[in-house]
C-alpha atoms as a PDB file:
ATOM      1  CA  MET A   1     100.379  72.841 105.855  1.00  0.00           C
ATOM      2  CA  THR A   2     101.866  72.778 109.359  1.00  0.00           C
ATOM      3  CA  MET A   3     101.100  75.962 111.269  1.00  0.00           C
ATOM      4  CA  ASP A   4     102.735  77.405 114.362  1.00  0.00           C
ATOM      5  CA  GLU A   5     100.612  78.995 117.079  1.00  0.00           C
ATOM      6  CA  ASN A   6     100.750  82.499 115.582  1.00  0.00           C
ATOM      7  CA  GLN A   7      99.674  81.229 112.164  1.00  0.00           C
ATOM      8  CA  GLN A   8      96.801  79.261 113.717  1.00  0.00           C
ATOM      9  CA  ARG A   9      95.558  82.417 115.436  1.00  0.00           C
ATOM     10  CA  ALA A  10      95.823  84.321 112.167  1.00  0.00           C
ATOM     11  CA  TRP A  11      93.954  81.539 110.337  1.00  0.00           C
ATOM     12  CA  ARG A  12      91.097  81.749 112.835  1.00  0.00           C
ATOM     13  CA  ALA A  13      91.094  85.559 112.671  1.00  0.00           C
ATOM     14  CA  LEU A  14      90.663  85.331 108.912  1.00  0.00           C
ATOM     15  CA  GLY A  15      87.502  83.349 109.516  1.00  0.00           C
ATOM     16  CA  LEU A  16      88.788  80.405 107.505  1.00  0.00           C
ATOM     17  CA  GLY A  17      88.012  77.636 109.980  1.00  0.00           C
ATOM     18  CA  PRO A  18      89.601  75.572 112.722  1.00  0.00           C
ATOM     19  CA  VAL A  19      92.891  73.698 112.678  1.00  0.00           C
ATOM     20  CA  TRP A  20      92.924  70.031 113.713  1.00  0.00           C
ATOM     21  CA  ASP A  21      95.808  68.445 115.605  1.00  0.00           C
ATOM     22  CA  SER A  22      94.594  64.837 115.604  1.00  0.00           C
ATOM     23  CA  ARG A  23      95.954  62.580 112.867  1.00  0.00           C
ATOM     24  CA  ALA A  24      92.660  60.690 112.585  1.00  0.00           C
ATOM     25  CA  GLY A  25      90.394  61.506 109.658  1.00  0.00           C
ATOM     26  CA  GLN A  26      93.152  63.100 107.572  1.00  0.00           C
ATOM     27  CA  VAL A  27      91.103  63.533 104.392  1.00  0.00           C
ATOM     28  CA  GLN A  28      88.222  65.147 106.249  1.00  0.00           C
ATOM     29  CA  ARG A  29      90.601  67.534 108.031  1.00  0.00           C
ATOM     30  CA  GLU A  30      92.229  68.604 104.777  1.00  0.00           C
ATOM     31  CA  GLU A  31      88.851  69.322 103.191  1.00  0.00           C
ATOM     32  CA  GLN A  32      87.570  71.241 106.206  1.00  0.00           C
ATOM     33  CA  ALA A  33      90.789  73.112 106.987  1.00  0.00           C
ATOM     34  CA  SER A  34      91.199  74.264 103.386  1.00  0.00           C
ATOM     35  CA  PRO A  35      89.264  77.511 102.904  1.00  0.00           C
ATOM     36  CA  PRO A  36      86.498  77.659 100.321  1.00  0.00           C
ATOM     37  CA  GLY A  37      87.755  78.760  96.933  1.00  0.00           C
ATOM     38  CA  LEU A  38      90.589  76.236  96.661  1.00  0.00           C
ATOM     39  CA  SER A  39      90.270  73.615  93.965  1.00  0.00           C
ATOM     40  CA  SER A  40      90.384  69.920  94.865  1.00  0.00           C
ATOM     41  CA  SER A  41      93.846  69.662  93.311  1.00  0.00           C
ATOM     42  CA  GLU A  42      95.094  72.552  95.466  1.00  0.00           C
ATOM     43  CA  ARG A  43      93.617  70.934  98.563  1.00  0.00           C
ATOM     44  CA  SER A  44      95.303  67.643  97.823  1.00  0.00           C
ATOM     45  CA  ALA A  45      98.605  69.367  97.111  1.00  0.00           C
ATOM     46  CA  GLY A  46      98.406  71.465 100.260  1.00  0.00           C
ATOM     47  CA  ALA A  47      98.740  75.196 100.705  1.00  0.00           C
ATOM     48  CA  ASP A  48     102.541  74.939 100.572  1.00  0.00           C
ATOM     49  CA  ARG A  49     102.312  73.587  97.014  1.00  0.00           C
ATOM     50  CA  ALA A  50      99.514  75.531  95.398  1.00  0.00           C
ATOM     51  CA  VAL A  51      98.897  74.555  91.785  1.00  0.00           C
ATOM     52  CA  LEU A  52     100.368  77.118  89.391  1.00  0.00           C
ATOM     53  CA  PRO A  53      98.360  77.962  86.272  1.00  0.00           C
ATOM     54  CA  ALA A  54      99.971  76.460  83.194  1.00  0.00           C
ATOM     55  CA  ASP A  55      99.312  79.521  81.060  1.00  0.00           C
ATOM     56  CA  GLN A  56      97.439  82.789  81.233  1.00  0.00           C
ATOM     57  CA  ASP A  57      95.869  83.528  77.858  1.00  0.00           C
ATOM     58  CA  GLY A  58      95.720  80.159  76.171  1.00  0.00           C
ATOM     59  CA  SER A  59      99.030  80.701  74.399  1.00  0.00           C
ATOM     60  CA  GLY A  60     101.315  79.579  77.212  1.00  0.00           C
ATOM     61  CA  SER A  61     102.557  83.120  77.781  1.00  0.00           C
ATOM     62  CA  VAL A  62     102.214  85.560  80.650  1.00  0.00           C
ATOM     63  CA  ALA A  63     101.035  89.077  79.882  1.00  0.00           C
ATOM     64  CA  VAL A  64     103.677  91.542  81.065  1.00  0.00           C
ATOM     65  CA  ALA A  65     102.908  95.105  82.154  1.00  0.00           C
ATOM     66  CA  GLU A  66     105.044  98.003  83.289  1.00  0.00           C
ATOM     67  CA  LEU A  67     104.639 101.459  84.776  1.00  0.00           C
ATOM     68  CA  THR A  68     106.106 104.649  83.432  1.00  0.00           C
ATOM     69  CA  ALA A  69     109.475 104.814  85.138  1.00  0.00           C
ATOM     70  CA  GLY A  70     109.376 108.569  85.364  1.00  0.00           C
ATOM     71  CA  GLN A  71     111.487 111.279  83.892  1.00  0.00           C
ATOM     72  CA  GLY A  72     114.772 112.743  85.153  1.00  0.00           C
ATOM     73  CA  GLU A  73     115.338 112.769  88.862  1.00  0.00           C
ATOM     74  CA  VAL A  74     112.667 110.347  90.142  1.00  0.00           C
ATOM     75  CA  SER A  75     113.878 107.424  88.073  1.00  0.00           C
ATOM     76  CA  ALA A  76     117.357 107.729  89.595  1.00  0.00           C
ATOM     77  CA  MET A  77     116.450 108.515  93.214  1.00  0.00           C
ATOM     78  CA  GLY A  78     117.499 106.491  96.224  1.00  0.00           C
ATOM     79  CA  TRP A  79     115.175 105.860  99.153  1.00  0.00           C
ATOM     80  CA  ALA A  80     115.901 109.050 101.089  1.00  0.00           C
ATOM     81  CA  ALA A  81     115.489 111.345  98.093  1.00  0.00           C
ATOM     82  CA  LEU A  82     112.368 109.510  96.951  1.00  0.00           C
ATOM     83  CA  GLU A  83     110.687 109.738 100.343  1.00  0.00           C
ATOM     84  CA  SER A  84     111.520 113.433 100.564  1.00  0.00           C
ATOM     85  CA  SER A  85     110.156 114.029  97.074  1.00  0.00           C
ATOM     86  CA  VAL A  86     106.887 112.278  97.919  1.00  0.00           C
ATOM     87  CA  ALA A  87     106.522 114.255 101.161  1.00  0.00           C
ATOM     88  CA  GLY A  88     106.889 117.560  99.319  1.00  0.00           C
ATOM     89  CA  CYS A  89     104.907 116.665  96.196  1.00  0.00           C
ATOM     90  CA  GLN A  90     102.438 119.298  94.947  1.00  0.00           C
ATOM     91  CA  ALA A  91     101.860 117.742  91.522  1.00  0.00           C
ATOM     92  CA  CYS A  92      98.083 117.370  91.844  1.00  0.00           C
ATOM     93  CA  SER A  93      95.196 118.801  93.846  1.00  0.00           C
ATOM     94  CA  LEU A  94      95.266 115.957  96.385  1.00  0.00           C
ATOM     95  CA  SER A  95      98.202 117.685  98.037  1.00  0.00           C
ATOM     96  CA  GLN A  96      95.885 120.487  99.132  1.00  0.00           C
ATOM     97  CA  GLY A  97      93.669 118.292 101.281  1.00  0.00           C
ATOM     98  CA  ARG A  98      96.069 115.797 102.800  1.00  0.00           C
ATOM     99  CA  THR A  99      97.266 115.661 106.380  1.00  0.00           C
ATOM    100  CA  GLN A 100     100.451 113.968 105.215  1.00  0.00           C
ATOM    101  CA  THR A 101     101.658 111.704 102.451  1.00  0.00           C
ATOM    102  CA  VAL A 102     101.684 107.930 102.910  1.00  0.00           C
ATOM    103  CA  PHE A 103     104.948 106.690 101.485  1.00  0.00           C
ATOM    104  CA  GLY A 104     104.983 103.005 102.406  1.00  0.00           C
ATOM    105  CA  VAL A 105     106.287 100.726 105.146  1.00  0.00           C
ATOM    106  CA  GLY A 106     108.136  97.486 105.636  1.00  0.00           C
ATOM    107  CA  ASN A 107     111.411  95.923 104.622  1.00  0.00           C
ATOM    108  CA  ARG A 108     112.873  97.840 101.700  1.00  0.00           C
ATOM    109  CA  ASN A 109     114.769  94.725 100.628  1.00  0.00           C
ATOM    110  CA  ALA A 110     111.775  92.399 100.907  1.00  0.00           C
ATOM    111  CA  ASP A 111     111.038  89.559  98.506  1.00  0.00           C
ATOM    112  CA  TRP A 112     107.320  90.413  98.741  1.00  0.00           C
ATOM    113  CA  MET A 113     105.675  93.679  97.742  1.00  0.00           C
ATOM    114  CA  PHE A 114     101.983  94.388  98.405  1.00  0.00           C
ATOM    115  CA  ILE A 115     100.334  97.270  96.564  1.00  0.00           C
ATOM    116  CA  GLY A 116      96.976  98.818  97.427  1.00  0.00           C
ATOM    117  CA  GLU A 117      94.961 101.698  96.040  1.00  0.00           C
ATOM    118  CA  ALA A 118      95.214 104.856  98.144  1.00  0.00           C
ATOM    119  CA  PRO A 119      95.297 106.000 101.761  1.00  0.00           C
ATOM    120  CA  GLY A 120      92.084 106.279 103.744  1.00  0.00           C
ATOM    121  CA  ALA A 121      91.346 108.617 106.638  1.00  0.00           C
ATOM    122  CA  GLU A 122      93.345 106.656 109.221  1.00  0.00           C
ATOM    123  CA  GLU A 123      96.276 106.243 106.858  1.00  0.00           C
ATOM    124  CA  ASP A 124      96.237 109.964 106.096  1.00  0.00           C
ATOM    125  CA  ALA A 125      96.295 110.725 109.825  1.00  0.00           C
ATOM    126  CA  ARG A 126      99.093 108.282 110.679  1.00  0.00           C
ATOM    127  CA  GLY A 127     101.172 108.383 107.511  1.00  0.00           C
ATOM    128  CA  GLU A 128     101.198 104.597 107.195  1.00  0.00           C
ATOM    129  CA  PRO A 129      99.344 102.333 104.738  1.00  0.00           C
ATOM    130  CA  PHE A 130      96.822  99.751 105.867  1.00  0.00           C
ATOM    131  CA  VAL A 131      96.065 100.646 109.464  1.00  0.00           C
ATOM    132  CA  GLY A 132      92.798 100.207 111.353  1.00  0.00           C
ATOM    133  CA  GLN A 133      90.590  97.177 110.738  1.00  0.00           C
ATOM    134  CA  ALA A 134      91.781  96.618 107.180  1.00  0.00           C
ATOM    135  CA  GLY A 135      95.377  96.766 108.370  1.00  0.00           C
ATOM    136  CA  ARG A 136      94.746  94.233 111.126  1.00  0.00           C
ATOM    137  CA  LEU A 137      93.164  91.865 108.630  1.00  0.00           C
ATOM    138  CA  LEU A 138      96.116  92.316 106.285  1.00  0.00           C
ATOM    139  CA  ASP A 139      98.519  91.525 109.129  1.00  0.00           C
ATOM    140  CA  ASN A 140      96.542  88.341 109.783  1.00  0.00           C
ATOM    141  CA  MET A 141      96.803  87.470 106.106  1.00  0.00           C
ATOM    142  CA  PHE A 142     100.569  87.923 106.321  1.00  0.00           C
ATOM    143  CA  ALA A 143     100.811  85.764 109.426  1.00  0.00           C
ATOM    144  CA  ALA A 144      98.723  82.994 107.870  1.00  0.00           C
ATOM    145  CA  ILE A 145     101.431  82.461 105.235  1.00  0.00           C
ATOM    146  CA  GLY A 146     104.333  83.046 107.600  1.00  0.00           C
ATOM    147  CA  LEU A 147     105.092  86.682 106.773  1.00  0.00           C
ATOM    148  CA  SER A 148     105.667  89.722 108.975  1.00  0.00           C
ATOM    149  CA  ARG A 149     104.769  93.317 108.066  1.00  0.00           C
ATOM    150  CA  SER A 150     108.065  94.653 109.400  1.00  0.00           C
ATOM    151  CA  LYS A 151     110.436  91.913 108.204  1.00  0.00           C
ATOM    152  CA  ASP A 152     109.129  90.201 105.084  1.00  0.00           C
ATOM    153  CA  VAL A 153     107.089  92.645 103.001  1.00  0.00           C
ATOM    154  CA  PHE A 154     107.061  96.181 101.681  1.00  0.00           C
ATOM    155  CA  ILE A 155     103.618  97.799 101.435  1.00  0.00           C
ATOM    156  CA  ALA A 156     102.772 100.755  99.200  1.00  0.00           C
ATOM    157  CA  ASN A 157      99.774 102.339  97.519  1.00  0.00           C
ATOM    158  CA  VAL A 158      99.256 103.558  93.970  1.00  0.00           C
ATOM    159  CA  LEU A 159      98.477 107.010  95.378  1.00  0.00           C
ATOM    160  CA  LYS A 160     100.456 108.631  98.181  1.00  0.00           C
ATOM    161  CA  CYS A 161      97.687 111.083  99.193  1.00  0.00           C
ATOM    162  CA  ARG A 162      94.120 110.380 100.243  1.00  0.00           C
ATOM    163  CA  PRO A 163      91.408 111.107  97.661  1.00  0.00           C
ATOM    164  CA  PRO A 164      88.487 113.025  99.221  1.00  0.00           C
ATOM    165  CA  HIS A 165      85.752 110.763 100.564  1.00  0.00           C
ATOM    166  CA  ASN A 166      87.853 107.757  99.460  1.00  0.00           C
ATOM    167  CA  ARG A 167      86.689 108.136  95.869  1.00  0.00           C
ATOM    168  CA  ASP A 168      88.460 106.366  93.007  1.00  0.00           C
ATOM    169  CA  PRO A 169      91.679 108.109  91.973  1.00  0.00           C
ATOM    170  CA  LEU A 170      91.525 110.241  88.836  1.00  0.00           C
ATOM    171  CA  PRO A 171      93.799 109.539  85.850  1.00  0.00           C
ATOM    172  CA  ALA A 172      95.768 112.750  86.417  1.00  0.00           C
ATOM    173  CA  GLU A 173      96.356 111.787  90.053  1.00  0.00           C
ATOM    174  CA  VAL A 174      97.604 108.350  89.054  1.00  0.00           C
ATOM    175  CA  GLY A 175      99.873 109.939  86.464  1.00  0.00           C
ATOM    176  CA  SER A 176     101.404 112.191  89.099  1.00  0.00           C
ATOM    177  CA  CYS A 177     102.092 109.330  91.520  1.00  0.00           C
ATOM    178  CA  GLU A 178     103.059 106.650  89.012  1.00  0.00           C
ATOM    179  CA  PRO A 179     106.774 107.537  88.837  1.00  0.00           C
ATOM    180  CA  PHE A 180     106.985 107.255  92.645  1.00  0.00           C
ATOM    181  CA  LEU A 181     105.443 103.778  92.676  1.00  0.00           C
ATOM    182  CA  ALA A 182     107.565 102.667  89.723  1.00  0.00           C
ATOM    183  CA  ARG A 183     110.691 103.763  91.552  1.00  0.00           C
ATOM    184  CA  GLN A 184     109.609 102.036  94.774  1.00  0.00           C
ATOM    185  CA  ILE A 185     109.148  98.774  92.882  1.00  0.00           C
ATOM    186  CA  ALA A 186     112.557  99.169  91.260  1.00  0.00           C
ATOM    187  CA  LEU A 187     114.257  99.867  94.581  1.00  0.00           C
ATOM    188  CA  VAL A 188     112.590  96.993  96.433  1.00  0.00           C
ATOM    189  CA  ASP A 189     113.268  94.662  93.479  1.00  0.00           C
ATOM    190  CA  PRO A 190     110.751  92.088  94.786  1.00  0.00           C
ATOM    191  CA  ARG A 191     110.439  88.434  93.819  1.00  0.00           C
ATOM    192  CA  ILE A 192     106.625  88.601  93.943  1.00  0.00           C
ATOM    193  CA  ILE A 193     104.059  91.425  93.804  1.00  0.00           C
ATOM    194  CA  VAL A 194     100.548  91.092  95.239  1.00  0.00           C
ATOM    195  CA  VAL A 195      98.085  93.782  94.168  1.00  0.00           C
ATOM    196  CA  MET A 196      95.035  94.278  96.356  1.00  0.00           C
ATOM    197  CA  GLY A 197      91.781  95.545  94.951  1.00  0.00           C
ATOM    198  CA  ARG A 198      90.350  96.373  91.555  1.00  0.00           C
ATOM    199  CA  PHE A 199      91.888  99.791  91.094  1.00  0.00           C
ATOM    200  CA  ALA A 200      95.413  98.763  92.096  1.00  0.00           C
ATOM    201  CA  ALA A 201      95.235  95.720  89.822  1.00  0.00           C
ATOM    202  CA  GLN A 202      93.949  97.697  86.848  1.00  0.00           C
ATOM    203  CA  THR A 203      96.597 100.388  87.349  1.00  0.00           C
ATOM    204  CA  LEU A 204      99.577  98.081  87.713  1.00  0.00           C
ATOM    205  CA  LEU A 205      98.522  95.700  84.941  1.00  0.00           C
ATOM    206  CA  ARG A 206      97.300  98.353  82.481  1.00  0.00           C
ATOM    207  CA  THR A 207      93.875  96.817  82.079  1.00  0.00           C
ATOM    208  CA  ASP A 208      90.207  97.537  82.673  1.00  0.00           C
ATOM    209  CA  ALA A 209      89.382  93.881  83.358  1.00  0.00           C
ATOM    210  CA  SER A 210      87.361  92.934  86.423  1.00  0.00           C
ATOM    211  CA  ILE A 211      89.128  91.672  89.514  1.00  0.00           C
ATOM    212  CA  SER A 212      87.285  88.354  89.242  1.00  0.00           C
ATOM    213  CA  SER A 213      88.818  87.792  85.805  1.00  0.00           C
ATOM    214  CA  LEU A 214      92.300  88.816  86.996  1.00  0.00           C
ATOM    215  CA  ARG A 215      92.365  86.562  90.061  1.00  0.00           C
ATOM    216  CA  GLY A 216      93.699  83.019  89.845  1.00  0.00           C
ATOM    217  CA  ARG A 217      96.156  83.895  87.074  1.00  0.00           C
ATOM    218  CA  VAL A 218      99.827  84.781  87.073  1.00  0.00           C
ATOM    219  CA  HIS A 219     100.533  88.183  85.574  1.00  0.00           C
ATOM    220  CA  GLY A 220     103.901  89.765  84.930  1.00  0.00           C
ATOM    221  CA  PHE A 221     105.511  93.112  85.672  1.00  0.00           C
ATOM    222  CA  ALA A 222     108.582  94.162  83.672  1.00  0.00           C
ATOM    223  CA  LEU A 223     111.429  95.153  85.959  1.00  0.00           C
ATOM    224  CA  GLY A 224     114.670  95.707  84.118  1.00  0.00           C
ATOM    225  CA  GLU A 225     115.598  92.533  82.304  1.00  0.00           C
ATOM    226  CA  ARG A 226     113.362  90.266  84.360  1.00  0.00           C
ATOM    227  CA  THR A 227     109.640  89.776  84.836  1.00  0.00           C
ATOM    228  CA  VAL A 228     108.212  89.819  88.357  1.00  0.00           C
ATOM    229  CA  PRO A 229     105.171  87.548  88.865  1.00  0.00           C
ATOM    230  CA  VAL A 230     102.057  89.439  89.953  1.00  0.00           C
ATOM    231  CA  VAL A 231      99.082  87.959  91.811  1.00  0.00           C
ATOM    232  CA  VAL A 232      95.775  89.813  92.151  1.00  0.00           C
ATOM    233  CA  THR A 233      93.591  89.523  95.232  1.00  0.00           C
ATOM    234  CA  TYR A 234      90.811  91.399  97.005  1.00  0.00           C
ATOM    235  CA  HIS A 235      91.445  94.489  99.101  1.00  0.00           C
ATOM    236  CA  PRO A 236      91.229  93.834 102.877  1.00  0.00           C
ATOM    237  CA  ALA A 237      88.542  96.528 103.209  1.00  0.00           C
ATOM    238  CA  TYR A 238      86.427  94.610 100.682  1.00  0.00           C
ATOM    239  CA  LEU A 239      86.961  91.377 102.628  1.00  0.00           C
ATOM    240  CA  LEU A 240      85.685  93.070 105.774  1.00  0.00           C
ATOM    241  CA  ARG A 241      82.467  93.871 103.893  1.00  0.00           C
ATOM    242  CA  THR A 242      82.321  90.515 102.090  1.00  0.00           C
ATOM    243  CA  PRO A 243      83.820  87.860 104.383  1.00  0.00           C
ATOM    244  CA  SER A 244      82.501  85.073 102.136  1.00  0.00           C
ATOM    245  CA  ASP A 245      85.357  85.926  99.732  1.00  0.00           C
ATOM    246  CA  LYS A 246      88.109  85.423 102.307  1.00  0.00           C
ATOM    247  CA  GLY A 247      88.601  81.878 101.063  1.00  0.00           C
ATOM    248  CA  LYS A 248      89.326  83.197  97.582  1.00  0.00           C
ATOM    249  CA  SER A 249      91.978  85.517  98.980  1.00  0.00           C
ATOM    250  CA  TRP A 250      93.518  82.597 100.827  1.00  0.00           C
ATOM    251  CA  SER A 251      93.782  80.779  97.504  1.00  0.00           C
ATOM    252  CA  ASP A 252      95.458  83.865  96.015  1.00  0.00           C
ATOM    253  CA  LEU A 253      97.972  83.993  98.858  1.00  0.00           C
ATOM    254  CA  CYS A 254      98.780  80.307  98.403  1.00  0.00           C
ATOM    255  CA  LEU A 255      99.407  80.920  94.712  1.00  0.00           C
ATOM    256  CA  ALA A 256     101.662  83.871  95.547  1.00  0.00           C
ATOM    257  CA  ARG A 257     103.622  81.838  98.059  1.00  0.00           C
ATOM    258  CA  ALA A 258     104.160  79.054  95.552  1.00  0.00           C
ATOM    259  CA  LEU A 259     105.419  81.566  93.001  1.00  0.00           C
ATOM    260  CA  ALA A 260     107.722  83.193  95.559  1.00  0.00           C
ATOM    261  CA  ALA A 261     109.181  79.801  96.460  1.00  0.00           C
ATOM    262  CA  GLN A 262     109.664  79.018  92.783  1.00  0.00           C
ATOM    263  CA  ALA A 263     111.508  82.319  92.272  1.00  0.00           C
ATOM    264  CA  SER A 264     113.831  81.891  95.261  1.00  0.00           C
END
């Protein structure tokens, strides 16, 4: 993969190793520049042509999930009405402790949609998902595959309010927010969805499987008459605590980029 200067800086910030400019020792450079977690076939193909899994469950089919689209007004809302509805939502007890709701940011016509779990303290204070250290790492992840937060992606969370002490969301809280997320996905109409973290993956894919078993596979999300490919990766906050898994996330991003290119 040929990287521009911004992507090289992002690569280094991810802790995935140096980038060589010399043409000598090409095989060694490819092995060293490819982050750990990529298979030998992916390294030989290059990050621009990540190997796509042939099938997901041994049958040649992709498991397809969907969210409850919501009843009545939410399922028919445009962006302005949806954002206003989220801001005024009192459907669960999380509304009592929030500073503000966290609706989502980015390009509302983006090909890429990234979905996380729930706002943290900084997100609750600023009203924007993925800020602080985790947000900076996510921006570096975007840059490493040539994406921009403002131009190329839309970012949302399963929950729009912060759970106290960053605990896991409760089923009732997810049920209250699910129509909002379903409508956001429908409005963005993305070509590829990347879910970050165990809880977001289990919610979107309707499963209780571990994130390690969900990674490295192509899942599907039903959106109207088409199926949107879904890739599961680690949450940036987890990667800050466990940097040894950054290489695995790089592999996930390469898979997502290959799927996005295939869908374009």
